[in-house]
Amino acid sequence: FDTRSEIQFNETAQTPWFSYTGMDGAVHEVWFEDVRSVRARLALVREFGLAGISIWTVNMRNRAGLEVLESEFSSEKIV
């Protein structure tokens, strides 16, 4: 199913998103993470001096985002 949607970037949320109209006529919004949004989240870790974070993913399609995380912080995979 190809939506041919243009990816937008919400500056306030620091998150990419797009919308499309499904075959049923309903409008759907999809928000997701990319390198820019991961960097923005990691900046908050430093800004607020957080002791740690957790990331959950269904798949590994955002490998670039995980590489940003691994380059800036030590990480431990818990399964």
PDB file of N, CA and C in Angstrom:
ATOM      1  N   PHE A   1       0.848  -1.169   0.000  1.00  0.00           N
ATOM      2  CA  PHE A   1       0.000   0.000   0.000  1.00  0.00           C
ATOM      3  C   PHE A   1       0.895   1.234   0.000  1.00  0.00           C
ATOM      4  N   ASP A   2       0.949   1.938  -1.096  1.00  0.00           N
ATOM      5  CA  ASP A   2       1.800   3.117  -1.248  1.00  0.00           C
ATOM      6  C   ASP A   2       0.963   4.372  -1.042  1.00  0.00           C
ATOM      7  N   THR A   3       1.286   5.151  -0.015  1.00  0.00           N
ATOM      8  CA  THR A   3       0.489   6.342   0.291  1.00  0.00           C
ATOM      9  C   THR A   3       0.948   7.561  -0.503  1.00  0.00           C
ATOM     10  N   ARG A   4       2.178   7.532  -1.001  1.00  0.00           N
ATOM     11  CA  ARG A   4       2.766   8.685  -1.694  1.00  0.00           C
ATOM     12  C   ARG A   4       2.649   9.959  -0.847  1.00  0.00           C
ATOM     13  N   SER A   5       2.767   9.778   0.451  1.00  0.00           N
ATOM     14  CA  SER A   5       2.640  10.896   1.384  1.00  0.00           C
ATOM     15  C   SER A   5       3.985  11.577   1.572  1.00  0.00           C
ATOM     16  N   GLU A   6       3.939  12.872   1.808  1.00  0.00           N
ATOM     17  CA  GLU A   6       5.144  13.633   2.081  1.00  0.00           C
ATOM     18  C   GLU A   6       5.393  13.628   3.584  1.00  0.00           C
ATOM     19  N   ILE A   7       6.609  13.306   3.978  1.00  0.00           N
ATOM     20  CA  ILE A   7       6.958  13.299   5.396  1.00  0.00           C
ATOM     21  C   ILE A   7       7.117  14.743   5.862  1.00  0.00           C
ATOM     22  N   GLN A   8       6.443  15.064   6.947  1.00  0.00           N
ATOM     23  CA  GLN A   8       6.507  16.379   7.584  1.00  0.00           C
ATOM     24  C   GLN A   8       7.390  16.251   8.830  1.00  0.00           C
ATOM     25  N   PHE A   9       7.788  17.376   9.412  1.00  0.00           N
ATOM     26  CA  PHE A   9       8.532  17.350  10.670  1.00  0.00           C
ATOM     27  C   PHE A   9       7.914  18.377  11.600  1.00  0.00           C
ATOM     28  N   ASN A  10       7.431  17.914  12.752  1.00  0.00           N
ATOM     29  CA  ASN A  10       6.817  18.786  13.741  1.00  0.00           C
ATOM     30  C   ASN A  10       7.919  19.337  14.631  1.00  0.00           C
ATOM     31  N   GLU A  11       8.179  20.634  14.538  1.00  0.00           N
ATOM     32  CA  GLU A  11       9.273  21.255  15.294  1.00  0.00           C
ATOM     33  C   GLU A  11       9.033  21.224  16.804  1.00  0.00           C
ATOM     34  N   THR A  12       7.793  21.371  17.223  1.00  0.00           N
ATOM     35  CA  THR A  12       7.493  21.357  18.654  1.00  0.00           C
ATOM     36  C   THR A  12       7.761  19.984  19.256  1.00  0.00           C
ATOM     37  N   ALA A  13       7.263  18.943  18.605  1.00  0.00           N
ATOM     38  CA  ALA A  13       7.446  17.572  19.099  1.00  0.00           C
ATOM     39  C   ALA A  13       8.786  16.990  18.682  1.00  0.00           C
ATOM     40  N   GLN A  14       9.470  17.666  17.740  1.00  0.00           N
ATOM     41  CA  GLN A  14      10.733  17.168  17.191  1.00  0.00           C
ATOM     42  C   GLN A  14      10.568  15.741  16.655  1.00  0.00           C
ATOM     43  N   THR A  15       9.497  15.533  15.891  1.00  0.00           N
ATOM     44  CA  THR A  15       9.148  14.206  15.409  1.00  0.00           C
ATOM     45  C   THR A  15       8.625  14.265  13.974  1.00  0.00           C
ATOM     46  N   PRO A  16       9.064  13.326  13.123  1.00  0.00           N
ATOM     47  CA  PRO A  16       8.519  13.257  11.769  1.00  0.00           C
ATOM     48  C   PRO A  16       7.159  12.562  11.767  1.00  0.00           C
ATOM     49  N   TRP A  17       6.348  12.893  10.755  1.00  0.00           N
ATOM     50  CA  TRP A  17       5.027  12.291  10.645  1.00  0.00           C
ATOM     51  C   TRP A  17       4.529  12.444   9.209  1.00  0.00           C
ATOM     52  N   PHE A  18       3.520  11.680   8.883  1.00  0.00           N
ATOM     53  CA  PHE A  18       2.825  11.854   7.613  1.00  0.00           C
ATOM     54  C   PHE A  18       1.385  11.420   7.795  1.00  0.00           C
ATOM     55  N   SER A  19       0.546  11.824   6.873  1.00  0.00           N
ATOM     56  CA  SER A  19      -0.851  11.399   6.908  1.00  0.00           C
ATOM     57  C   SER A  19      -1.230  10.844   5.554  1.00  0.00           C
ATOM     58  N   TYR A  20      -2.227   9.996   5.569  1.00  0.00           N
ATOM     59  CA  TYR A  20      -2.730   9.428   4.321  1.00  0.00           C
ATOM     60  C   TYR A  20      -4.189   9.050   4.504  1.00  0.00           C
ATOM     61  N   THR A  21      -4.867   8.914   3.390  1.00  0.00           N
ATOM     62  CA  THR A  21      -6.250   8.468   3.399  1.00  0.00           C
ATOM     63  C   THR A  21      -6.265   7.001   3.006  1.00  0.00           C
ATOM     64  N   GLY A  22      -6.805   6.164   3.892  1.00  0.00           N
ATOM     65  CA  GLY A  22      -6.849   4.727   3.654  1.00  0.00           C
ATOM     66  C   GLY A  22      -7.890   4.364   2.614  1.00  0.00           C
ATOM     67  N   MET A  23      -7.880   3.118   2.240  1.00  0.00           N
ATOM     68  CA  MET A  23      -8.835   2.639   1.240  1.00  0.00           C
ATOM     69  C   MET A  23     -10.272   2.748   1.741  1.00  0.00           C
ATOM     70  N   ASP A  24     -10.431   2.839   3.069  1.00  0.00           N
ATOM     71  CA  ASP A  24     -11.766   2.991   3.647  1.00  0.00           C
ATOM     72  C   ASP A  24     -12.213   4.445   3.717  1.00  0.00           C
ATOM     73  N   GLY A  25     -11.343   5.381   3.266  1.00  0.00           N
ATOM     74  CA  GLY A  25     -11.668   6.800   3.280  1.00  0.00           C
ATOM     75  C   GLY A  25     -11.275   7.513   4.557  1.00  0.00           C
ATOM     76  N   ALA A  26     -10.802   6.778   5.560  1.00  0.00           N
ATOM     77  CA  ALA A  26     -10.401   7.380   6.826  1.00  0.00           C
ATOM     78  C   ALA A  26      -8.993   7.977   6.702  1.00  0.00           C
ATOM     79  N   VAL A  27      -8.804   9.145   7.316  1.00  0.00           N
ATOM     80  CA  VAL A  27      -7.498   9.795   7.329  1.00  0.00           C
ATOM     81  C   VAL A  27      -6.704   9.261   8.514  1.00  0.00           C
ATOM     82  N   HIS A  28      -5.472   8.879   8.255  1.00  0.00           N
ATOM     83  CA  HIS A  28      -4.588   8.315   9.281  1.00  0.00           C
ATOM     84  C   HIS A  28      -3.357   9.202   9.415  1.00  0.00           C
ATOM     85  N   GLU A  29      -2.880   9.390  10.656  1.00  0.00           N
ATOM     86  CA  GLU A  29      -1.617  10.076  10.917  1.00  0.00           C
ATOM     87  C   GLU A  29      -0.635   9.062  11.475  1.00  0.00           C
ATOM     88  N   VAL A  30       0.586   9.096  10.960  1.00  0.00           N
ATOM     89  CA  VAL A  30       1.635   8.183  11.408  1.00  0.00           C
ATOM     90  C   VAL A  30       2.803   9.019  11.925  1.00  0.00           C
ATOM     91  N   TRP A  31       3.138   8.851  13.194  1.00  0.00           N
ATOM     92  CA  TRP A  31       4.268   9.525  13.821  1.00  0.00           C
ATOM     93  C   TRP A  31       5.336   8.470  14.072  1.00  0.00           C
ATOM     94  N   PHE A  32       6.589   8.811  13.833  1.00  0.00           N
ATOM     95  CA  PHE A  32       7.662   7.824  13.977  1.00  0.00           C
ATOM     96  C   PHE A  32       8.956   8.520  14.361  1.00  0.00           C
ATOM     97  N   GLU A  33       9.963   7.753  14.660  1.00  0.00           N
ATOM     98  CA  GLU A  33      11.267   8.290  15.046  1.00  0.00           C
ATOM     99  C   GLU A  33      12.229   8.224  13.868  1.00  0.00           C
ATOM    100  N   ASP A  34      13.124   9.192  13.794  1.00  0.00           N
ATOM    101  CA  ASP A  34      14.234   9.162  12.846  1.00  0.00           C
ATOM    102  C   ASP A  34      15.458   9.721  13.563  1.00  0.00           C
ATOM    103  N   VAL A  35      16.546   9.930  12.845  1.00  0.00           N
ATOM    104  CA  VAL A  35      17.779  10.397  13.474  1.00  0.00           C
ATOM    105  C   VAL A  35      17.560  11.738  14.170  1.00  0.00           C
ATOM    106  N   ARG A  36      16.819  12.645  13.544  1.00  0.00           N
ATOM    107  CA  ARG A  36      16.578  13.960  14.148  1.00  0.00           C
ATOM    108  C   ARG A  36      15.818  13.837  15.462  1.00  0.00           C
ATOM    109  N   SER A  37      14.797  13.010  15.483  1.00  0.00           N
ATOM    110  CA  SER A  37      13.989  12.888  16.702  1.00  0.00           C
ATOM    111  C   SER A  37      14.758  12.161  17.802  1.00  0.00           C
ATOM    112  N   VAL A  38      15.564  11.176  17.432  1.00  0.00           N
ATOM    113  CA  VAL A  38      16.376  10.483  18.441  1.00  0.00           C
ATOM    114  C   VAL A  38      17.380  11.454  19.051  1.00  0.00           C
ATOM    115  N   ARG A  39      18.016  12.278  18.208  1.00  0.00           N
ATOM    116  CA  ARG A  39      18.959  13.276  18.732  1.00  0.00           C
ATOM    117  C   ARG A  39      18.266  14.241  19.689  1.00  0.00           C
ATOM    118  N   ALA A  40      17.047  14.650  19.344  1.00  0.00           N
ATOM    119  CA  ALA A  40      16.295  15.563  20.211  1.00  0.00           C
ATOM    120  C   ALA A  40      15.996  14.905  21.551  1.00  0.00           C
ATOM    121  N   ARG A  41      15.629  13.621  21.546  1.00  0.00           N
ATOM    122  CA  ARG A  41      15.336  12.914  22.801  1.00  0.00           C
ATOM    123  C   ARG A  41      16.609  12.776  23.651  1.00  0.00           C
ATOM    124  N   LEU A  42      17.714  12.459  22.989  1.00  0.00           N
ATOM    125  CA  LEU A  42      18.968  12.298  23.723  1.00  0.00           C
ATOM    126  C   LEU A  42      19.450  13.625  24.303  1.00  0.00           C
ATOM    127  N   ALA A  43      19.158  14.731  23.621  1.00  0.00           N
ATOM    128  CA  ALA A  43      19.512  16.047  24.159  1.00  0.00           C
ATOM    129  C   ALA A  43      18.774  16.291  25.477  1.00  0.00           C
ATOM    130  N   LEU A  44      17.554  15.784  25.596  1.00  0.00           N
ATOM    131  CA  LEU A  44      16.804  15.928  26.846  1.00  0.00           C
ATOM    132  C   LEU A  44      17.446  15.144  27.989  1.00  0.00           C
ATOM    133  N   VAL A  45      18.051  14.011  27.659  1.00  0.00           N
ATOM    134  CA  VAL A  45      18.745  13.215  28.676  1.00  0.00           C
ATOM    135  C   VAL A  45      19.841  14.064  29.309  1.00  0.00           C
ATOM    136  N   ARG A  46      20.611  14.721  28.469  1.00  0.00           N
ATOM    137  CA  ARG A  46      21.695  15.565  28.984  1.00  0.00           C
ATOM    138  C   ARG A  46      21.150  16.810  29.673  1.00  0.00           C
ATOM    139  N   GLU A  47      20.148  17.457  29.057  1.00  0.00           N
ATOM    140  CA  GLU A  47      19.603  18.690  29.612  1.00  0.00           C
ATOM    141  C   GLU A  47      19.053  18.500  31.020  1.00  0.00           C
ATOM    142  N   PHE A  48      18.378  17.379  31.245  1.00  0.00           N
ATOM    143  CA  PHE A  48      17.760  17.144  32.549  1.00  0.00           C
ATOM    144  C   PHE A  48      18.577  16.212  33.434  1.00  0.00           C
ATOM    145  N   GLY A  49      19.750  15.784  32.970  1.00  0.00           N
ATOM    146  CA  GLY A  49      20.620  14.936  33.774  1.00  0.00           C
ATOM    147  C   GLY A  49      19.986  13.613  34.143  1.00  0.00           C
ATOM    148  N   LEU A  50      19.251  13.027  33.206  1.00  0.00           N
ATOM    149  CA  LEU A  50      18.574  11.760  33.485  1.00  0.00           C
ATOM    150  C   LEU A  50      19.585  10.638  33.691  1.00  0.00           C
ATOM    151  N   ALA A  51      19.274   9.721  34.566  1.00  0.00           N
ATOM    152  CA  ALA A  51      20.169   8.605  34.870  1.00  0.00           C
ATOM    153  C   ALA A  51      20.119   7.526  33.793  1.00  0.00           C
ATOM    154  N   GLY A  52      19.057   7.487  33.013  1.00  0.00           N
ATOM    155  CA  GLY A  52      18.955   6.480  31.971  1.00  0.00           C
ATOM    156  C   GLY A  52      17.668   6.629  31.190  1.00  0.00           C
ATOM    157  N   ILE A  53      17.579   5.889  30.114  1.00  0.00           N
ATOM    158  CA  ILE A  53      16.383   5.876  29.281  1.00  0.00           C
ATOM    159  C   ILE A  53      16.118   4.453  28.837  1.00  0.00           C
ATOM    160  N   SER A  54      14.961   4.231  28.292  1.00  0.00           N
ATOM    161  CA  SER A  54      14.603   2.930  27.744  1.00  0.00           C
ATOM    162  C   SER A  54      14.023   3.150  26.353  1.00  0.00           C
ATOM    163  N   ILE A  55      14.371   2.277  25.441  1.00  0.00           N
ATOM    164  CA  ILE A  55      13.846   2.354  24.077  1.00  0.00           C
ATOM    165  C   ILE A  55      13.253   1.013  23.729  1.00  0.00           C
ATOM    166  N   TRP A  56      12.038   1.037  23.228  1.00  0.00           N
ATOM    167  CA  TRP A  56      11.359  -0.177  22.789  1.00  0.00           C
ATOM    168  C   TRP A  56      11.086  -0.036  21.306  1.00  0.00           C
ATOM    169  N   THR A  57      11.326  -1.076  20.551  1.00  0.00           N
ATOM    170  CA  THR A  57      11.075  -1.034  19.114  1.00  0.00           C
ATOM    171  C   THR A  57      10.480  -2.351  18.654  1.00  0.00           C
ATOM    172  N   VAL A  58       9.612  -2.263  17.675  1.00  0.00           N
ATOM    173  CA  VAL A  58       9.002  -3.461  17.107  1.00  0.00           C
ATOM    174  C   VAL A  58       9.971  -4.129  16.143  1.00  0.00           C
ATOM    175  N   ASN A  59      10.755  -3.306  15.473  1.00  0.00           N
ATOM    176  CA  ASN A  59      11.716  -3.836  14.499  1.00  0.00           C
ATOM    177  C   ASN A  59      12.975  -2.983  14.537  1.00  0.00           C
ATOM    178  N   MET A  60      13.915  -3.297  13.712  1.00  0.00           N
ATOM    179  CA  MET A  60      15.177  -2.559  13.695  1.00  0.00           C
ATOM    180  C   MET A  60      15.284  -1.645  12.475  1.00  0.00           C
ATOM    181  N   ARG A  61      14.180  -1.136  11.992  1.00  0.00           N
ATOM    182  CA  ARG A  61      14.220  -0.284  10.800  1.00  0.00           C
ATOM    183  C   ARG A  61      14.860   1.071  11.068  1.00  0.00           C
ATOM    184  N   ASN A  62      14.878   1.505  12.311  1.00  0.00           N
ATOM    185  CA  ASN A  62      15.490   2.785  12.642  1.00  0.00           C
ATOM    186  C   ASN A  62      16.913   2.561  13.131  1.00  0.00           C
ATOM    187  N   ARG A  63      17.674   1.818  12.396  1.00  0.00           N
ATOM    188  CA  ARG A  63      19.044   1.494  12.785  1.00  0.00           C
ATOM    189  C   ARG A  63      19.889   2.750  12.953  1.00  0.00           C
ATOM    190  N   ALA A  64      19.671   3.751  12.113  1.00  0.00           N
ATOM    191  CA  ALA A  64      20.444   4.989  12.221  1.00  0.00           C
ATOM    192  C   ALA A  64      20.199   5.657  13.573  1.00  0.00           C
ATOM    193  N   GLY A  65      18.955   5.639  14.042  1.00  0.00           N
ATOM    194  CA  GLY A  65      18.639   6.216  15.342  1.00  0.00           C
ATOM    195  C   GLY A  65      19.345   5.477  16.464  1.00  0.00           C
ATOM    196  N   LEU A  66      19.405   4.154  16.365  1.00  0.00           N
ATOM    197  CA  LEU A  66      20.097   3.374  17.379  1.00  0.00           C
ATOM    198  C   LEU A  66      21.596   3.627  17.338  1.00  0.00           C
ATOM    199  N   GLU A  67      22.137   3.871  16.152  1.00  0.00           N
ATOM    200  CA  GLU A  67      23.555   4.180  16.040  1.00  0.00           C
ATOM    201  C   GLU A  67      23.874   5.520  16.705  1.00  0.00           C
ATOM    202  N   VAL A  68      22.967   6.488  16.602  1.00  0.00           N
ATOM    203  CA  VAL A  68      23.147   7.765  17.297  1.00  0.00           C
ATOM    204  C   VAL A  68      23.194   7.515  18.800  1.00  0.00           C
ATOM    205  N   LEU A  69      22.265   6.720  19.300  1.00  0.00           N
ATOM    206  CA  LEU A  69      22.232   6.387  20.723  1.00  0.00           C
ATOM    207  C   LEU A  69      23.539   5.730  21.152  1.00  0.00           C
ATOM    208  N   GLU A  70      23.985   4.733  20.413  1.00  0.00           N
ATOM    209  CA  GLU A  70      25.195   3.999  20.773  1.00  0.00           C
ATOM    210  C   GLU A  70      26.443   4.873  20.687  1.00  0.00           C
ATOM    211  N   SER A  71      26.432   5.882  19.815  1.00  0.00           N
ATOM    212  CA  SER A  71      27.611   6.744  19.689  1.00  0.00           C
ATOM    213  C   SER A  71      27.694   7.769  20.821  1.00  0.00           C
ATOM    214  N   GLU A  72      26.567   8.092  21.446  1.00  0.00           N
ATOM    215  CA  GLU A  72      26.554   9.106  22.482  1.00  0.00           C
ATOM    216  C   GLU A  72      26.488   8.560  23.905  1.00  0.00           C
ATOM    217  N   PHE A  73      25.981   7.348  24.066  1.00  0.00           N
ATOM    218  CA  PHE A  73      25.790   6.767  25.393  1.00  0.00           C
ATOM    219  C   PHE A  73      26.185   5.306  25.363  1.00  0.00           C
ATOM    220  N   SER A  74      26.560   4.783  26.521  1.00  0.00           N
ATOM    221  CA  SER A  74      26.740   3.338  26.620  1.00  0.00           C
ATOM    222  C   SER A  74      25.347   2.731  26.734  1.00  0.00           C
ATOM    223  N   SER A  75      25.158   1.565  26.152  1.00  0.00           N
ATOM    224  CA  SER A  75      23.830   0.965  26.187  1.00  0.00           C
ATOM    225  C   SER A  75      23.919  -0.515  26.545  1.00  0.00           C
ATOM    226  N   GLU A  76      22.830  -1.011  27.055  1.00  0.00           N
ATOM    227  CA  GLU A  76      22.726  -2.407  27.421  1.00  0.00           C
ATOM    228  C   GLU A  76      21.410  -2.928  26.880  1.00  0.00           C
ATOM    229  N   LYS A  77      21.479  -4.017  26.129  1.00  0.00           N
ATOM    230  CA  LYS A  77      20.260  -4.610  25.570  1.00  0.00           C
ATOM    231  C   LYS A  77      19.709  -5.611  26.567  1.00  0.00           C
ATOM    232  N   ILE A  78      18.445  -5.406  26.942  1.00  0.00           N
ATOM    233  CA  ILE A  78      17.771  -6.312  27.854  1.00  0.00           C
ATOM    234  C   ILE A  78      16.634  -6.969  27.099  1.00  0.00           C
ATOM    235  N   VAL A  79      16.606  -8.270  27.104  1.00  0.00           N
ATOM    236  CA  VAL A  79      15.544  -8.990  26.378  1.00  0.00           C
ATOM    237  C   VAL A  79      14.618  -9.700  27.322  1.00  0.00           C
TER     238      VAL A  79
END
